[in-house]
Amino acid sequence: MSGSQSSGRIHIYLPFLLLFFAFLVVEARLYWLQIIQHQAFSERARGEQIRKIEVSPKRGTIYDRNLQKLAINI
C-alpha cells in the first residue's frame, strides 16, 4: 500500500513541480532582460525614439464657390 501512496504523491506533486520550474525559467529570463540587459535595451530604445524628420506640408489651392483662388501654396 505504501508503494501505491508514494506513486500517488508523485502524480500530485509533479504538475506543481513542473509549474514551479516553468515559473523559475520565466523569472530568470525577466531578470536577465530587465536587470542585466537594461543598459543595452535603454540605448536601443533611445536611438529609435529620438530622430528628426523634416516633413514639408503639401497643401492645395483653396477656391471659393465661383472658383476664385482664395489661398494658394507658396
C-alpha atoms as a PDB file:
ATOM      1  CA  MET A   1       0.000   0.000   0.000  1.00  0.00           C
ATOM      2  CA  SER A   2       2.886   2.377   0.687  1.00  0.00           C
ATOM      3  CA  GLY A   3       4.169   1.987  -2.907  1.00  0.00           C
ATOM      4  CA  SER A   4       0.762   2.996  -4.183  1.00  0.00           C
ATOM      5  CA  GLN A   5       0.682   6.041  -1.907  1.00  0.00           C
ATOM      6  CA  SER A   6       4.113   7.273  -2.982  1.00  0.00           C
ATOM      7  CA  SER A   7       3.134   6.835  -6.634  1.00  0.00           C
ATOM      8  CA  GLY A   8       0.001   8.874  -5.984  1.00  0.00           C
ATOM      9  CA  ARG A   9       2.030  11.623  -4.333  1.00  0.00           C
ATOM     10  CA  ILE A  10       4.320  11.816  -7.346  1.00  0.00           C
ATOM     11  CA  HIS A  11       1.296  12.270  -9.604  1.00  0.00           C
ATOM     12  CA  ILE A  12       0.037  15.042  -7.344  1.00  0.00           C
ATOM     13  CA  TYR A  13       3.326  16.914  -6.932  1.00  0.00           C
ATOM     14  CA  LEU A  14       4.673  16.529 -10.471  1.00  0.00           C
ATOM     15  CA  PRO A  15       2.431  19.185 -12.108  1.00  0.00           C
ATOM     16  CA  PHE A  16       3.249  21.623  -9.300  1.00  0.00           C
ATOM     17  CA  LEU A  17       6.966  20.989  -9.698  1.00  0.00           C
ATOM     18  CA  LEU A  18       6.753  21.496 -13.462  1.00  0.00           C
ATOM     19  CA  LEU A  19       4.778  24.704 -12.995  1.00  0.00           C
ATOM     20  CA  PHE A  20       7.265  25.934 -10.401  1.00  0.00           C
ATOM     21  CA  PHE A  21      10.175  25.158 -12.733  1.00  0.00           C
ATOM     22  CA  ALA A  22       8.472  26.989 -15.617  1.00  0.00           C
ATOM     23  CA  PHE A  23       7.889  29.969 -13.313  1.00  0.00           C
ATOM     24  CA  LEU A  24      11.574  29.984 -12.370  1.00  0.00           C
ATOM     25  CA  VAL A  25      12.587  29.953 -16.039  1.00  0.00           C
ATOM     26  CA  VAL A  26      10.314  32.925 -16.781  1.00  0.00           C
ATOM     27  CA  GLU A  27      11.593  34.803 -13.729  1.00  0.00           C
ATOM     28  CA  ALA A  28      15.209  34.160 -14.722  1.00  0.00           C
ATOM     29  CA  ARG A  29      14.527  35.461 -18.226  1.00  0.00           C
ATOM     30  CA  LEU A  30      12.826  38.590 -16.869  1.00  0.00           C
ATOM     31  CA  TYR A  31      15.770  39.201 -14.548  1.00  0.00           C
ATOM     32  CA  TRP A  32      18.186  38.817 -17.443  1.00  0.00           C
ATOM     33  CA  LEU A  33      16.268  41.233 -19.671  1.00  0.00           C
ATOM     34  CA  GLN A  34      15.372  43.882 -17.085  1.00  0.00           C
ATOM     35  CA  ILE A  35      18.443  43.910 -14.849  1.00  0.00           C
ATOM     36  CA  ILE A  36      21.390  42.546 -16.810  1.00  0.00           C
ATOM     37  CA  GLN A  37      20.482  43.823 -20.298  1.00  0.00           C
ATOM     38  CA  HIS A  38      18.891  47.093 -19.122  1.00  0.00           C
ATOM     39  CA  GLN A  39      21.603  49.380 -20.495  1.00  0.00           C
ATOM     40  CA  ALA A  40      21.637  47.804 -23.960  1.00  0.00           C
ATOM     41  CA  PHE A  41      17.856  47.960 -24.338  1.00  0.00           C
ATOM     42  CA  SER A  42      17.769  51.503 -22.965  1.00  0.00           C
ATOM     43  CA  GLU A  43      20.299  52.718 -25.549  1.00  0.00           C
ATOM     44  CA  ARG A  44      18.499  50.877 -28.320  1.00  0.00           C
ATOM     45  CA  ALA A  45      15.150  52.421 -27.381  1.00  0.00           C
ATOM     46  CA  ARG A  46      16.670  55.890 -27.077  1.00  0.00           C
ATOM     47  CA  GLY A  47      18.126  55.559 -30.561  1.00  0.00           C
ATOM     48  CA  GLU A  48      14.760  54.614 -32.006  1.00  0.00           C
ATOM     49  CA  GLN A  49      12.798  57.333 -30.219  1.00  0.00           C
ATOM     50  CA  ILE A  50      14.924  60.376 -30.935  1.00  0.00           C
ATOM     51  CA  ARG A  51      15.192  61.201 -34.597  1.00  0.00           C
ATOM     52  CA  LYS A  52      14.314  64.305 -36.518  1.00  0.00           C
ATOM     53  CA  ILE A  53      12.430  64.048 -39.758  1.00  0.00           C
ATOM     54  CA  GLU A  54      11.534  67.199 -41.655  1.00  0.00           C
ATOM     55  CA  VAL A  55       8.185  66.838 -43.345  1.00  0.00           C
ATOM     56  CA  SER A  56       7.196  69.534 -45.772  1.00  0.00           C
ATOM     57  CA  PRO A  57       3.442  70.091 -45.833  1.00  0.00           C
ATOM     58  CA  LYS A  58       1.660  69.595 -49.124  1.00  0.00           C
ATOM     59  CA  ARG A  59      -1.221  71.993 -49.332  1.00  0.00           C
ATOM     60  CA  GLY A  60      -3.561  72.507 -52.175  1.00  0.00           C
ATOM     61  CA  THR A  61      -5.232  75.596 -53.535  1.00  0.00           C
ATOM     62  CA  ILE A  62      -8.443  76.702 -51.840  1.00  0.00           C
ATOM     63  CA  TYR A  63     -11.222  78.001 -54.085  1.00  0.00           C
ATOM     64  CA  ASP A  64     -14.454  79.791 -53.337  1.00  0.00           C
ATOM     65  CA  ARG A  65     -17.776  78.815 -54.880  1.00  0.00           C
ATOM     66  CA  ASN A  66     -17.010  80.850 -58.015  1.00  0.00           C
ATOM     67  CA  LEU A  67     -13.678  79.028 -58.464  1.00  0.00           C
ATOM     68  CA  GLN A  68     -11.701  82.106 -57.489  1.00  0.00           C
ATOM     69  CA  LYS A  69      -8.459  81.279 -55.681  1.00  0.00           C
ATOM     70  CA  LEU A  70      -8.646  82.178 -52.005  1.00  0.00           C
ATOM     71  CA  ALA A  71      -5.391  80.615 -50.847  1.00  0.00           C
ATOM     72  CA  ILE A  72      -2.504  79.117 -52.777  1.00  0.00           C
ATOM     73  CA  ASN A  73       0.539  77.126 -51.774  1.00  0.00           C
ATOM     74  CA  ILE A  74       3.733  79.162 -51.959  1.00  0.00           C
END
